[in-house]
């Protein structure tokens, strides 16, 4: 319930912050989509968002990605080791425009945060707890990801349309919790042909570097 309510809470905060900071700024709001996120074969989403200028050089962008695995179904048989897979992606970004040319293009730096909760079931797999390996019949897994990143982007405006392309680097925090059933001690043998074994064979908090790049296509409502 909390996950479903989060994008509406962020939208409310956007409207409040806009009223507080937009004095003297051109009044406009932009709606956008991130089309390439639809083609992610593992965690594809229909990502929609809203962008609001807070000041001449500041803007706030809020996005929410709804689970959308149509592309995965088209290119594969739809089978996955993650059963009953549920997830969403919520992002908030604060932009600072370096060069502002409203008629053509604008470059910016930004700070972005992402909340990416996931729940799924895995069957007949391994789990390592307290330096002991176990095998389970199935496990309910909660995998929550928080991301903070710094981005550089360029917005190109053509009439009311905006093409926003960007690149960013940051830090990813993963929290993994298991609720296994049919747990039995069993020696684990790592697959020799797998470079990166699944991280969810462990519990705990893990940190990883994060790289993001992409494009948003927006439309300005004046």
N, C-alpha and C. Protein backbone atom coordinates (compact mmCIF):
# COMPACT_ATOMS: atom_id res chain seq x y z
N UNK A 1 0.83 -1.20 0.00
CA UNK A 1 0.00 0.00 0.00
C UNK A 1 0.87 1.26 0.00
N UNK A 2 1.96 1.23 0.78
CA UNK A 2 2.87 2.37 0.83
C UNK A 2 3.51 2.62 -0.51
N UNK A 3 3.92 1.53 -1.22
CA UNK A 3 4.56 1.68 -2.51
C UNK A 3 3.62 2.33 -3.51
N UNK A 4 2.33 1.98 -3.49
CA UNK A 4 1.37 2.54 -4.44
C UNK A 4 1.10 4.01 -4.15
N UNK A 5 1.17 4.40 -2.89
CA UNK A 5 0.86 5.78 -2.50
C UNK A 5 2.02 6.72 -2.75
N UNK A 6 3.25 6.21 -2.85
CA UNK A 6 4.44 7.05 -2.93
C UNK A 6 4.41 8.03 -4.10
N UNK A 7 4.09 7.61 -5.34
CA UNK A 7 4.10 8.59 -6.44
C UNK A 7 3.10 9.72 -6.24
N UNK A 8 1.96 9.45 -5.61
CA UNK A 8 0.98 10.50 -5.38
C UNK A 8 1.47 11.48 -4.31
N UNK A 9 2.18 10.98 -3.31
CA UNK A 9 2.77 11.85 -2.30
C UNK A 9 3.80 12.77 -2.93
N UNK A 10 4.65 12.21 -3.82
CA UNK A 10 5.67 13.02 -4.48
C UNK A 10 5.04 14.08 -5.38
N UNK A 11 3.94 13.73 -6.06
CA UNK A 11 3.26 14.70 -6.90
C UNK A 11 2.70 15.86 -6.07
N UNK A 12 2.18 15.54 -4.88
CA UNK A 12 1.68 16.58 -3.99
C UNK A 12 2.81 17.49 -3.54
N UNK A 13 3.96 16.89 -3.20
CA UNK A 13 5.11 17.70 -2.77
C UNK A 13 5.59 18.60 -3.90
N UNK A 14 5.50 18.10 -5.13
CA UNK A 14 5.89 18.91 -6.28
C UNK A 14 5.02 20.15 -6.40
N UNK A 15 3.71 19.97 -6.24
CA UNK A 15 2.81 21.11 -6.35
C UNK A 15 3.05 22.12 -5.24
N UNK A 16 3.34 21.63 -4.04
CA UNK A 16 3.60 22.53 -2.91
C UNK A 16 4.90 23.30 -3.12
N UNK A 17 5.95 22.58 -3.53
CA UNK A 17 7.25 23.23 -3.73
C UNK A 17 7.18 24.22 -4.89
N UNK A 18 6.38 23.93 -5.89
CA UNK A 18 6.24 24.83 -7.02
C UNK A 18 5.65 26.16 -6.58
N UNK A 19 4.65 26.10 -5.72
CA UNK A 19 4.02 27.32 -5.23
C UNK A 19 4.98 28.13 -4.39
N UNK A 20 5.86 27.44 -3.68
CA UNK A 20 6.77 28.12 -2.76
C UNK A 20 7.94 28.78 -3.48
N UNK A 21 8.42 28.16 -4.59
CA UNK A 21 9.66 28.62 -5.19
C UNK A 21 9.52 29.22 -6.58
N UNK A 22 8.36 29.14 -7.19
CA UNK A 22 8.27 29.53 -8.58
C UNK A 22 8.00 31.01 -8.78
N UNK A 23 8.04 31.79 -7.75
CA UNK A 23 7.83 33.22 -7.91
C UNK A 23 8.90 33.80 -8.81
N UNK A 24 8.47 34.47 -9.85
CA UNK A 24 9.43 35.07 -10.77
C UNK A 24 9.86 34.14 -11.87
N UNK A 25 9.56 32.83 -11.78
CA UNK A 25 9.94 31.90 -12.82
C UNK A 25 8.79 31.76 -13.81
N UNK A 26 9.14 31.38 -15.05
CA UNK A 26 8.13 31.17 -16.07
C UNK A 26 7.25 30.00 -15.65
N UNK A 27 5.95 30.21 -15.67
CA UNK A 27 5.03 29.16 -15.22
C UNK A 27 4.83 28.14 -16.34
N UNK A 28 5.28 26.93 -16.11
CA UNK A 28 5.09 25.87 -17.08
C UNK A 28 5.27 24.53 -16.37
N UNK A 29 4.64 23.53 -16.93
CA UNK A 29 4.82 22.18 -16.41
C UNK A 29 5.00 21.25 -17.59
N UNK A 30 5.80 20.22 -17.41
CA UNK A 30 6.12 19.31 -18.49
C UNK A 30 5.82 17.87 -18.07
N UNK A 31 5.20 17.15 -18.97
CA UNK A 31 5.00 15.72 -18.76
C UNK A 31 5.92 14.96 -19.71
N UNK A 32 6.47 13.85 -19.24
CA UNK A 32 7.43 13.13 -20.07
C UNK A 32 7.36 11.62 -19.85
N UNK A 33 7.97 10.90 -20.78
CA UNK A 33 8.13 9.45 -20.67
C UNK A 33 9.60 9.12 -20.94
N UNK A 34 10.02 7.94 -20.47
CA UNK A 34 11.38 7.44 -20.74
C UNK A 34 11.22 6.17 -21.57
N UNK A 35 11.18 6.27 -22.90
CA UNK A 35 10.79 5.14 -23.74
C UNK A 35 11.72 3.94 -23.68
N UNK A 36 13.03 4.16 -23.50
CA UNK A 36 13.97 3.03 -23.51
C UNK A 36 13.79 2.11 -22.30
N UNK A 37 13.25 2.63 -21.20
CA UNK A 37 13.05 1.79 -20.01
C UNK A 37 12.04 0.68 -20.25
N UNK A 38 11.19 0.85 -21.24
CA UNK A 38 10.21 -0.16 -21.59
C UNK A 38 10.89 -1.43 -22.11
N UNK A 39 12.10 -1.27 -22.70
CA UNK A 39 12.77 -2.39 -23.36
C UNK A 39 13.75 -3.13 -22.45
N UNK A 40 13.81 -2.77 -21.17
CA UNK A 40 14.64 -3.51 -20.21
C UNK A 40 14.10 -4.94 -20.13
N UNK A 41 14.91 -5.97 -20.46
CA UNK A 41 14.39 -7.34 -20.50
C UNK A 41 14.11 -7.95 -19.14
N UNK A 42 14.62 -7.34 -18.05
CA UNK A 42 14.43 -7.92 -16.72
C UNK A 42 13.46 -7.09 -15.89
N UNK A 43 13.68 -5.77 -15.83
CA UNK A 43 12.83 -4.91 -15.00
C UNK A 43 12.26 -3.77 -15.83
N UNK A 44 11.62 -4.11 -16.92
CA UNK A 44 11.02 -3.11 -17.78
C UNK A 44 9.90 -2.36 -17.07
N UNK A 45 9.79 -1.06 -17.35
CA UNK A 45 8.74 -0.24 -16.74
C UNK A 45 8.17 0.72 -17.77
N UNK A 46 6.93 1.10 -17.55
CA UNK A 46 6.34 2.24 -18.24
C UNK A 46 6.57 3.44 -17.35
N UNK A 47 7.60 4.23 -17.69
CA UNK A 47 8.02 5.34 -16.83
C UNK A 47 7.42 6.64 -17.32
N UNK A 48 6.61 7.26 -16.48
CA UNK A 48 6.02 8.56 -16.80
C UNK A 48 6.40 9.53 -15.69
N UNK A 49 6.44 10.82 -16.02
CA UNK A 49 6.86 11.78 -15.01
C UNK A 49 6.38 13.18 -15.30
N UNK A 50 6.70 14.06 -14.37
CA UNK A 50 6.33 15.47 -14.48
C UNK A 50 7.54 16.32 -14.08
N UNK A 51 7.71 17.44 -14.77
CA UNK A 51 8.86 18.33 -14.56
C UNK A 51 8.31 19.74 -14.33
N UNK A 52 8.85 20.43 -13.32
CA UNK A 52 8.37 21.76 -13.00
C UNK A 52 9.54 22.68 -12.70
N UNK A 53 9.59 23.84 -13.34
CA UNK A 53 10.60 24.85 -13.03
C UNK A 53 10.28 25.48 -11.68
N UNK A 54 11.30 25.54 -10.82
CA UNK A 54 11.15 26.18 -9.52
C UNK A 54 11.73 27.58 -9.52
N UNK A 55 12.71 27.78 -10.40
CA UNK A 55 13.43 29.04 -10.48
C UNK A 55 14.03 29.10 -11.88
N UNK A 56 14.72 30.18 -12.21
CA UNK A 56 15.31 30.31 -13.53
C UNK A 56 16.32 29.20 -13.80
N UNK A 57 17.00 28.72 -12.75
CA UNK A 57 18.01 27.69 -12.95
C UNK A 57 17.71 26.38 -12.22
N UNK A 58 16.62 26.32 -11.50
CA UNK A 58 16.29 25.12 -10.75
C UNK A 58 15.00 24.49 -11.26
N UNK A 59 14.97 23.16 -11.29
CA UNK A 59 13.76 22.44 -11.68
C UNK A 59 13.70 21.13 -10.91
N UNK A 60 12.50 20.65 -10.70
CA UNK A 60 12.26 19.39 -10.01
C UNK A 60 11.54 18.44 -10.95
N UNK A 61 12.02 17.19 -10.99
CA UNK A 61 11.42 16.18 -11.86
C UNK A 61 11.07 14.96 -11.02
N UNK A 62 9.84 14.45 -11.17
CA UNK A 62 9.38 13.26 -10.45
C UNK A 62 8.90 12.23 -11.46
N UNK A 63 9.34 10.98 -11.29
CA UNK A 63 8.97 9.90 -12.20
C UNK A 63 8.50 8.68 -11.42
N UNK A 64 7.59 7.94 -12.04
CA UNK A 64 7.20 6.64 -11.47
C UNK A 64 7.13 5.63 -12.61
N UNK A 65 7.76 4.48 -12.39
CA UNK A 65 7.77 3.42 -13.39
C UNK A 65 6.89 2.25 -12.95
N UNK A 66 5.91 1.94 -13.77
CA UNK A 66 5.01 0.82 -13.50
C UNK A 66 5.51 -0.44 -14.21
N UNK A 67 5.47 -1.56 -13.53
CA UNK A 67 5.94 -2.82 -14.10
C UNK A 67 5.30 -3.05 -15.46
N UNK A 68 6.15 -3.33 -16.46
CA UNK A 68 5.68 -3.54 -17.81
C UNK A 68 6.65 -4.51 -18.50
N UNK A 69 6.31 -5.78 -18.57
CA UNK A 69 7.20 -6.78 -19.13
C UNK A 69 6.71 -7.31 -20.48
N UNK A 70 6.01 -6.47 -21.22
CA UNK A 70 5.54 -6.86 -22.55
C UNK A 70 6.71 -7.20 -23.46
N UNK A 71 7.78 -6.40 -23.40
CA UNK A 71 8.93 -6.65 -24.26
C UNK A 71 9.57 -7.99 -23.94
N UNK A 72 9.67 -8.32 -22.64
CA UNK A 72 10.24 -9.61 -22.25
C UNK A 72 9.42 -10.75 -22.82
N UNK A 73 8.11 -10.62 -22.77
CA UNK A 73 7.23 -11.66 -23.29
C UNK A 73 7.39 -11.82 -24.79
N UNK A 74 7.66 -10.71 -25.50
CA UNK A 74 7.81 -10.76 -26.95
C UNK A 74 9.09 -11.45 -27.39
N UNK A 75 10.19 -11.23 -26.66
CA UNK A 75 11.49 -11.74 -27.10
C UNK A 75 11.88 -13.06 -26.44
N UNK A 76 11.16 -13.47 -25.39
CA UNK A 76 11.44 -14.74 -24.72
C UNK A 76 10.14 -15.48 -24.51
N UNK A 77 10.25 -16.64 -23.87
CA UNK A 77 9.03 -17.40 -23.57
C UNK A 77 8.36 -16.91 -22.29
N UNK A 78 8.93 -15.84 -21.69
CA UNK A 78 8.32 -15.25 -20.49
C UNK A 78 8.72 -15.94 -19.20
N UNK A 79 9.48 -17.03 -19.29
CA UNK A 79 9.88 -17.76 -18.09
C UNK A 79 10.99 -17.01 -17.36
N UNK A 80 10.97 -17.09 -16.03
CA UNK A 80 11.99 -16.43 -15.21
C UNK A 80 12.13 -17.20 -13.92
N UNK A 81 13.34 -17.15 -13.34
CA UNK A 81 13.54 -17.79 -12.05
C UNK A 81 12.85 -17.00 -10.93
N UNK A 82 12.47 -15.76 -11.22
CA UNK A 82 11.76 -14.93 -10.25
C UNK A 82 10.25 -15.06 -10.48
N UNK A 83 9.60 -15.82 -9.62
CA UNK A 83 8.17 -16.05 -9.76
C UNK A 83 7.38 -14.96 -9.03
N UNK A 84 6.19 -14.67 -9.56
CA UNK A 84 5.31 -13.65 -8.96
C UNK A 84 6.09 -12.36 -8.71
N UNK A 85 6.82 -11.92 -9.71
CA UNK A 85 7.72 -10.78 -9.60
C UNK A 85 6.92 -9.48 -9.59
N UNK A 86 7.10 -8.69 -8.52
CA UNK A 86 6.42 -7.40 -8.37
C UNK A 86 7.47 -6.32 -8.08
N UNK A 87 7.35 -5.20 -8.77
CA UNK A 87 8.30 -4.11 -8.56
C UNK A 87 7.76 -2.82 -9.16
N UNK A 88 8.40 -1.73 -8.78
CA UNK A 88 8.14 -0.42 -9.37
C UNK A 88 9.40 0.42 -9.17
N UNK A 89 9.48 1.54 -9.88
CA UNK A 89 10.63 2.43 -9.76
C UNK A 89 10.13 3.87 -9.60
N UNK A 90 10.55 4.51 -8.52
CA UNK A 90 10.17 5.90 -8.27
C UNK A 90 11.43 6.76 -8.19
N UNK A 91 11.43 7.87 -8.92
CA UNK A 91 12.61 8.72 -8.98
C UNK A 91 12.25 10.17 -8.69
N UNK A 92 13.19 10.87 -8.04
CA UNK A 92 13.06 12.31 -7.81
C UNK A 92 14.40 12.94 -8.18
N UNK A 93 14.34 14.03 -8.95
CA UNK A 93 15.57 14.64 -9.46
C UNK A 93 15.50 16.16 -9.33
N UNK A 94 16.56 16.74 -8.79
CA UNK A 94 16.69 18.20 -8.70
C UNK A 94 17.75 18.65 -9.70
N UNK A 95 17.33 19.51 -10.64
CA UNK A 95 18.22 19.96 -11.72
C UNK A 95 18.71 21.38 -11.48
N UNK A 96 19.97 21.62 -11.84
CA UNK A 96 20.54 22.97 -11.85
C UNK A 96 21.06 23.23 -13.26
N UNK A 97 20.48 24.21 -13.93
CA UNK A 97 20.84 24.50 -15.32
C UNK A 97 22.09 25.38 -15.37
N UNK A 98 23.08 24.90 -16.14
CA UNK A 98 24.35 25.61 -16.28
C UNK A 98 24.22 26.70 -17.33
N UNK A 99 23.75 26.30 -18.51
CA UNK A 99 23.52 27.27 -19.58
C UNK A 99 22.06 27.21 -19.96
N UNK A 100 21.40 28.34 -19.93
CA UNK A 100 19.95 28.38 -20.15
C UNK A 100 19.64 29.11 -21.44
N UNK A 101 19.14 28.35 -22.42
CA UNK A 101 18.68 28.93 -23.68
C UNK A 101 17.33 28.33 -23.99
N UNK A 102 16.27 28.99 -23.54
CA UNK A 102 14.94 28.42 -23.57
C UNK A 102 14.47 28.06 -24.97
N UNK A 103 15.00 28.75 -26.00
CA UNK A 103 14.50 28.51 -27.35
C UNK A 103 15.15 27.31 -28.03
N UNK A 104 16.34 26.90 -27.57
CA UNK A 104 17.04 25.81 -28.25
C UNK A 104 17.43 24.70 -27.29
N UNK A 105 18.47 24.91 -26.49
CA UNK A 105 18.97 23.84 -25.63
C UNK A 105 19.45 24.38 -24.30
N UNK A 106 19.50 23.48 -23.32
CA UNK A 106 19.97 23.82 -21.98
C UNK A 106 20.74 22.64 -21.42
N UNK A 107 21.89 22.89 -20.84
CA UNK A 107 22.65 21.84 -20.17
C UNK A 107 22.45 21.96 -18.67
N UNK A 108 22.55 20.84 -17.97
CA UNK A 108 22.28 20.87 -16.53
C UNK A 108 23.08 19.81 -15.79
N UNK A 109 23.23 20.03 -14.49
CA UNK A 109 23.71 19.05 -13.54
C UNK A 109 22.56 18.73 -12.61
N UNK A 110 22.50 17.50 -12.12
CA UNK A 110 21.38 17.14 -11.25
C UNK A 110 21.79 16.08 -10.23
N UNK A 111 20.99 16.01 -9.19
CA UNK A 111 21.08 14.95 -8.18
C UNK A 111 19.79 14.15 -8.25
N UNK A 112 19.90 12.85 -8.39
CA UNK A 112 18.71 12.00 -8.53
C UNK A 112 18.72 10.89 -7.48
N UNK A 113 17.56 10.61 -6.93
CA UNK A 113 17.38 9.49 -6.02
C UNK A 113 16.34 8.54 -6.60
N UNK A 114 16.56 7.25 -6.42
CA UNK A 114 15.61 6.25 -6.93
C UNK A 114 15.28 5.23 -5.84
N UNK A 115 14.01 4.89 -5.75
CA UNK A 115 13.51 3.85 -4.84
C UNK A 115 12.95 2.73 -5.70
N UNK A 116 13.50 1.52 -5.51
CA UNK A 116 13.20 0.39 -6.40
C UNK A 116 12.90 -0.86 -5.56
N UNK A 117 11.67 -1.00 -5.03
CA UNK A 117 11.31 -2.17 -4.23
C UNK A 117 10.94 -3.36 -5.12
N UNK A 118 11.36 -4.55 -4.71
CA UNK A 118 11.07 -5.76 -5.48
C UNK A 118 10.66 -6.89 -4.53
N UNK A 119 9.70 -7.68 -4.97
CA UNK A 119 9.29 -8.88 -4.24
C UNK A 119 9.10 -10.00 -5.25
N UNK A 120 9.64 -11.18 -4.92
CA UNK A 120 9.48 -12.31 -5.81
C UNK A 120 9.76 -13.61 -5.05
N UNK A 121 9.49 -14.73 -5.71
CA UNK A 121 9.71 -16.06 -5.14
C UNK A 121 10.71 -16.80 -6.00
N UNK A 122 11.68 -17.45 -5.36
CA UNK A 122 12.61 -18.33 -6.07
C UNK A 122 12.44 -19.74 -5.55
N UNK A 123 12.60 -20.71 -6.44
CA UNK A 123 12.41 -22.11 -6.09
C UNK A 123 13.72 -22.89 -6.26
N UNK A 124 13.94 -23.85 -5.33
CA UNK A 124 15.06 -24.78 -5.43
C UNK A 124 16.39 -24.07 -5.69
N UNK A 125 16.74 -23.20 -4.76
CA UNK A 125 17.99 -22.45 -4.90
C UNK A 125 18.72 -22.47 -3.57
N UNK A 126 19.86 -21.76 -3.55
CA UNK A 126 20.73 -21.75 -2.38
C UNK A 126 20.64 -20.43 -1.62
N UNK A 127 20.97 -20.50 -0.34
CA UNK A 127 21.04 -19.33 0.52
C UNK A 127 22.19 -19.53 1.50
N UNK A 128 23.01 -18.50 1.65
CA UNK A 128 24.13 -18.56 2.58
C UNK A 128 23.82 -17.70 3.78
N UNK A 129 23.78 -18.32 4.98
CA UNK A 129 23.52 -17.62 6.23
C UNK A 129 24.57 -18.01 7.26
N UNK A 130 25.15 -17.00 7.91
CA UNK A 130 26.12 -17.26 8.98
C UNK A 130 27.20 -18.24 8.54
N UNK A 131 27.72 -18.01 7.33
CA UNK A 131 28.81 -18.83 6.77
C UNK A 131 28.41 -20.28 6.54
N UNK A 132 27.12 -20.58 6.50
CA UNK A 132 26.62 -21.92 6.21
C UNK A 132 25.72 -21.87 4.99
N UNK A 133 25.89 -22.83 4.08
CA UNK A 133 25.09 -22.87 2.86
C UNK A 133 23.87 -23.77 3.07
N UNK A 134 22.74 -23.32 2.56
CA UNK A 134 21.48 -24.06 2.65
C UNK A 134 20.85 -24.15 1.27
N UNK A 135 20.00 -25.14 1.13
CA UNK A 135 19.15 -25.24 -0.04
C UNK A 135 17.70 -25.16 0.43
N UNK A 136 16.86 -24.48 -0.34
CA UNK A 136 15.47 -24.34 0.07
C UNK A 136 14.53 -24.80 -1.06
N UNK A 137 13.31 -25.16 -0.65
CA UNK A 137 12.29 -25.51 -1.64
C UNK A 137 11.83 -24.25 -2.37
N UNK A 138 11.53 -23.21 -1.60
CA UNK A 138 11.23 -21.91 -2.17
C UNK A 138 11.43 -20.84 -1.10
N UNK A 139 11.58 -19.60 -1.54
CA UNK A 139 11.82 -18.50 -0.61
C UNK A 139 11.12 -17.24 -1.11
N UNK A 140 10.43 -16.55 -0.21
CA UNK A 140 9.87 -15.23 -0.50
C UNK A 140 10.97 -14.20 -0.26
N UNK A 141 11.31 -13.44 -1.27
CA UNK A 141 12.45 -12.53 -1.22
C UNK A 141 11.99 -11.08 -1.35
N UNK A 142 12.45 -10.25 -0.43
CA UNK A 142 12.28 -8.79 -0.51
C UNK A 142 13.63 -8.19 -0.87
N UNK A 143 13.66 -7.51 -1.97
CA UNK A 143 14.91 -6.91 -2.45
C UNK A 143 14.64 -5.43 -2.72
N UNK A 144 15.22 -4.56 -1.89
CA UNK A 144 14.96 -3.13 -2.00
C UNK A 144 16.24 -2.41 -2.42
N UNK A 145 16.11 -1.57 -3.41
CA UNK A 145 17.26 -0.83 -3.94
C UNK A 145 17.03 0.67 -3.78
N UNK A 146 18.03 1.35 -3.23
CA UNK A 146 18.06 2.81 -3.18
C UNK A 146 19.26 3.27 -4.00
N UNK A 147 19.07 4.29 -4.81
CA UNK A 147 20.16 4.79 -5.65
C UNK A 147 20.27 6.30 -5.50
N UNK A 148 21.50 6.78 -5.37
CA UNK A 148 21.79 8.21 -5.42
C UNK A 148 22.82 8.43 -6.52
N UNK A 149 22.55 9.35 -7.42
CA UNK A 149 23.49 9.57 -8.53
C UNK A 149 23.57 11.03 -8.92
N UNK A 150 24.71 11.39 -9.51
CA UNK A 150 24.94 12.71 -10.09
C UNK A 150 24.86 12.57 -11.60
N UNK A 151 24.15 13.50 -12.24
CA UNK A 151 23.91 13.38 -13.66
C UNK A 151 24.27 14.67 -14.41
N UNK A 152 24.63 14.49 -15.66
CA UNK A 152 24.80 15.61 -16.58
C UNK A 152 23.89 15.36 -17.78
N UNK A 153 23.15 16.40 -18.19
CA UNK A 153 22.24 16.21 -19.29
C UNK A 153 22.09 17.45 -20.14
N UNK A 154 21.49 17.27 -21.29
CA UNK A 154 21.20 18.36 -22.22
C UNK A 154 19.75 18.24 -22.66
N UNK A 155 19.01 19.32 -22.54
CA UNK A 155 17.64 19.38 -23.01
C UNK A 155 17.59 20.15 -24.33
N UNK A 156 16.95 19.58 -25.32
CA UNK A 156 16.75 20.24 -26.61
C UNK A 156 15.25 20.46 -26.80
N UNK A 157 14.85 21.71 -27.02
CA UNK A 157 13.44 22.05 -27.13
C UNK A 157 13.09 22.40 -28.58
N UNK A 158 12.01 21.78 -29.04
CA UNK A 158 11.46 22.07 -30.36
C UNK A 158 9.98 22.35 -30.17
N UNK A 159 9.62 23.63 -30.25
CA UNK A 159 8.25 24.04 -29.93
C UNK A 159 7.92 23.60 -28.50
N UNK A 160 6.88 22.81 -28.33
CA UNK A 160 6.51 22.36 -26.98
C UNK A 160 7.12 21.02 -26.61
N UNK A 161 7.90 20.43 -27.49
CA UNK A 161 8.50 19.13 -27.23
C UNK A 161 9.93 19.30 -26.70
N UNK A 162 10.33 18.38 -25.80
CA UNK A 162 11.67 18.43 -25.19
C UNK A 162 12.30 17.05 -25.27
N UNK A 163 13.54 17.02 -25.77
CA UNK A 163 14.34 15.79 -25.76
C UNK A 163 15.42 15.97 -24.71
N UNK A 164 15.36 15.17 -23.65
CA UNK A 164 16.28 15.27 -22.51
C UNK A 164 17.15 14.01 -22.49
N UNK A 165 18.43 14.14 -22.85
CA UNK A 165 19.32 12.99 -22.80
C UNK A 165 20.40 13.25 -21.75
N UNK A 166 20.80 12.18 -21.04
CA UNK A 166 21.62 12.35 -19.84
C UNK A 166 22.52 11.16 -19.60
N UNK A 167 23.51 11.39 -18.73
CA UNK A 167 24.44 10.34 -18.27
C UNK A 167 24.74 10.61 -16.81
N UNK A 168 24.82 9.55 -16.00
CA UNK A 168 25.07 9.74 -14.58
C UNK A 168 25.81 8.58 -13.94
N UNK A 169 26.44 8.85 -12.81
CA UNK A 169 27.12 7.82 -12.00
C UNK A 169 26.72 8.03 -10.54
N UNK A 170 26.72 6.94 -9.79
CA UNK A 170 26.33 7.06 -8.39
C UNK A 170 26.56 5.79 -7.62
N UNK A 171 25.80 5.64 -6.55
CA UNK A 171 25.94 4.52 -5.63
C UNK A 171 24.60 3.83 -5.47
N UNK A 172 24.63 2.50 -5.50
CA UNK A 172 23.43 1.68 -5.36
C UNK A 172 23.51 0.88 -4.05
N UNK A 173 22.44 0.96 -3.26
CA UNK A 173 22.35 0.21 -2.00
C UNK A 173 21.27 -0.85 -2.13
N UNK A 174 21.65 -2.12 -1.95
CA UNK A 174 20.71 -3.23 -2.04
C UNK A 174 20.50 -3.84 -0.66
N UNK A 175 19.25 -4.06 -0.31
CA UNK A 175 18.89 -4.74 0.93
C UNK A 175 18.10 -6.00 0.56
N UNK A 176 18.58 -7.18 0.99
CA UNK A 176 17.97 -8.45 0.59
C UNK A 176 17.59 -9.25 1.84
N UNK A 177 16.31 -9.66 1.88
CA UNK A 177 15.80 -10.46 2.99
C UNK A 177 15.08 -11.69 2.43
N UNK A 178 15.30 -12.84 3.08
CA UNK A 178 14.68 -14.09 2.67
C UNK A 178 13.69 -14.58 3.73
N UNK A 179 12.65 -15.24 3.24
CA UNK A 179 11.79 -16.03 4.10
C UNK A 179 11.69 -17.42 3.47
N UNK A 180 12.69 -18.29 3.77
CA UNK A 180 12.77 -19.58 3.07
C UNK A 180 11.87 -20.65 3.69
N UNK A 181 11.50 -21.61 2.86
CA UNK A 181 10.71 -22.76 3.29
C UNK A 181 11.40 -24.02 2.79
N UNK A 182 11.40 -25.05 3.66
CA UNK A 182 12.10 -26.29 3.31
C UNK A 182 13.60 -26.12 3.31
N UNK A 183 14.12 -25.41 4.32
CA UNK A 183 15.54 -25.10 4.40
C UNK A 183 16.33 -26.28 4.95
N UNK A 184 17.37 -26.71 4.21
CA UNK A 184 18.23 -27.80 4.65
C UNK A 184 19.69 -27.44 4.34
N UNK A 185 20.59 -27.81 5.24
CA UNK A 185 22.01 -27.55 5.02
C UNK A 185 22.50 -28.35 3.82
N UNK A 186 23.22 -27.67 2.93
CA UNK A 186 23.69 -28.33 1.71
C UNK A 186 24.88 -27.56 1.18
N UNK A 187 25.93 -28.27 0.77
CA UNK A 187 27.12 -27.61 0.26
C UNK A 187 26.83 -26.98 -1.09
N UNK A 188 27.29 -25.75 -1.23
CA UNK A 188 27.03 -25.00 -2.46
C UNK A 188 28.25 -25.05 -3.38
N UNK A 189 27.99 -25.39 -4.64
CA UNK A 189 29.04 -25.40 -5.64
C UNK A 189 28.74 -24.31 -6.66
N UNK A 190 29.61 -23.33 -6.74
CA UNK A 190 29.39 -22.21 -7.67
C UNK A 190 29.51 -22.69 -9.11
N UNK A 191 28.62 -22.19 -9.96
CA UNK A 191 28.67 -22.56 -11.37
C UNK A 191 29.93 -21.99 -12.02
N UNK A 192 30.63 -22.82 -12.77
CA UNK A 192 31.88 -22.39 -13.39
C UNK A 192 31.65 -21.48 -14.59
N UNK A 193 30.44 -21.50 -15.18
CA UNK A 193 30.18 -20.73 -16.38
C UNK A 193 29.43 -19.43 -16.09
N UNK A 194 29.30 -19.08 -14.81
CA UNK A 194 28.60 -17.86 -14.44
C UNK A 194 29.60 -16.88 -13.85
N UNK A 195 29.77 -15.71 -14.49
CA UNK A 195 30.73 -14.72 -14.00
C UNK A 195 30.25 -14.07 -12.71
N UNK A 196 28.96 -13.73 -12.67
CA UNK A 196 28.41 -13.04 -11.51
C UNK A 196 27.23 -13.84 -10.96
N UNK A 197 27.48 -14.68 -9.93
CA UNK A 197 26.37 -15.46 -9.36
C UNK A 197 25.31 -14.54 -8.76
N UNK A 198 24.07 -14.99 -8.69
CA UNK A 198 22.99 -14.14 -8.16
C UNK A 198 23.31 -13.63 -6.76
N UNK A 199 23.16 -12.30 -6.57
CA UNK A 199 23.47 -11.71 -5.28
C UNK A 199 22.43 -12.10 -4.24
N UNK A 200 21.24 -12.50 -4.67
CA UNK A 200 20.19 -12.84 -3.70
C UNK A 200 20.36 -14.24 -3.11
N UNK A 201 21.52 -14.85 -3.30
CA UNK A 201 21.85 -16.06 -2.56
C UNK A 201 22.46 -15.73 -1.19
N UNK A 202 22.51 -14.44 -0.91
CA UNK A 202 22.95 -13.95 0.40
C UNK A 202 21.92 -12.98 0.94
N UNK A 203 21.93 -12.79 2.25
CA UNK A 203 21.10 -11.78 2.88
C UNK A 203 22.00 -10.65 3.38
N UNK A 204 21.41 -9.45 3.51
CA UNK A 204 22.17 -8.34 4.05
C UNK A 204 22.05 -7.10 3.18
N UNK A 205 22.98 -6.18 3.40
CA UNK A 205 23.02 -4.91 2.68
C UNK A 205 24.30 -4.88 1.84
N UNK A 206 24.17 -4.53 0.58
CA UNK A 206 25.29 -4.52 -0.33
C UNK A 206 25.33 -3.19 -1.09
N UNK A 207 26.55 -2.75 -1.41
CA UNK A 207 26.72 -1.49 -2.13
C UNK A 207 27.41 -1.78 -3.47
N UNK A 208 26.92 -1.12 -4.50
CA UNK A 208 27.44 -1.31 -5.84
C UNK A 208 27.50 0.04 -6.56
N UNK A 209 28.44 0.21 -7.50
CA UNK A 209 28.42 1.43 -8.32
C UNK A 209 27.20 1.42 -9.24
N UNK A 210 26.76 2.59 -9.61
CA UNK A 210 25.57 2.71 -10.45
C UNK A 210 25.87 3.64 -11.62
N UNK A 211 25.49 3.22 -12.82
CA UNK A 211 25.65 4.03 -14.02
C UNK A 211 24.28 4.15 -14.68
N UNK A 212 23.91 5.35 -15.05
CA UNK A 212 22.63 5.55 -15.72
C UNK A 212 22.83 6.40 -16.97
N UNK A 213 22.08 6.07 -18.00
CA UNK A 213 22.05 6.88 -19.21
C UNK A 213 20.71 6.64 -19.88
N UNK A 214 20.24 7.64 -20.60
CA UNK A 214 18.95 7.46 -21.22
C UNK A 214 18.43 8.73 -21.85
N UNK A 215 17.15 8.65 -22.24
CA UNK A 215 16.49 9.75 -22.92
C UNK A 215 15.07 9.87 -22.38
N UNK A 216 14.63 11.09 -22.17
CA UNK A 216 13.23 11.37 -21.85
C UNK A 216 12.64 12.25 -22.95
N UNK A 217 11.41 11.97 -23.29
CA UNK A 217 10.70 12.77 -24.29
C UNK A 217 9.55 13.46 -23.59
N UNK A 218 9.54 14.80 -23.61
CA UNK A 218 8.54 15.54 -22.85
C UNK A 218 7.71 16.47 -23.71
N UNK A 219 6.59 16.89 -23.13
CA UNK A 219 5.72 17.87 -23.76
C UNK A 219 5.36 18.94 -22.75
N UNK A 220 5.59 20.21 -23.11
CA UNK A 220 5.37 21.33 -22.20
C UNK A 220 3.92 21.82 -22.31
N UNK A 221 3.28 21.90 -21.17
CA UNK A 221 1.94 22.49 -21.10
C UNK A 221 2.10 23.90 -20.56
N UNK A 222 1.83 24.89 -21.34
CA UNK A 222 2.07 26.28 -20.95
C UNK A 222 0.86 26.87 -20.24
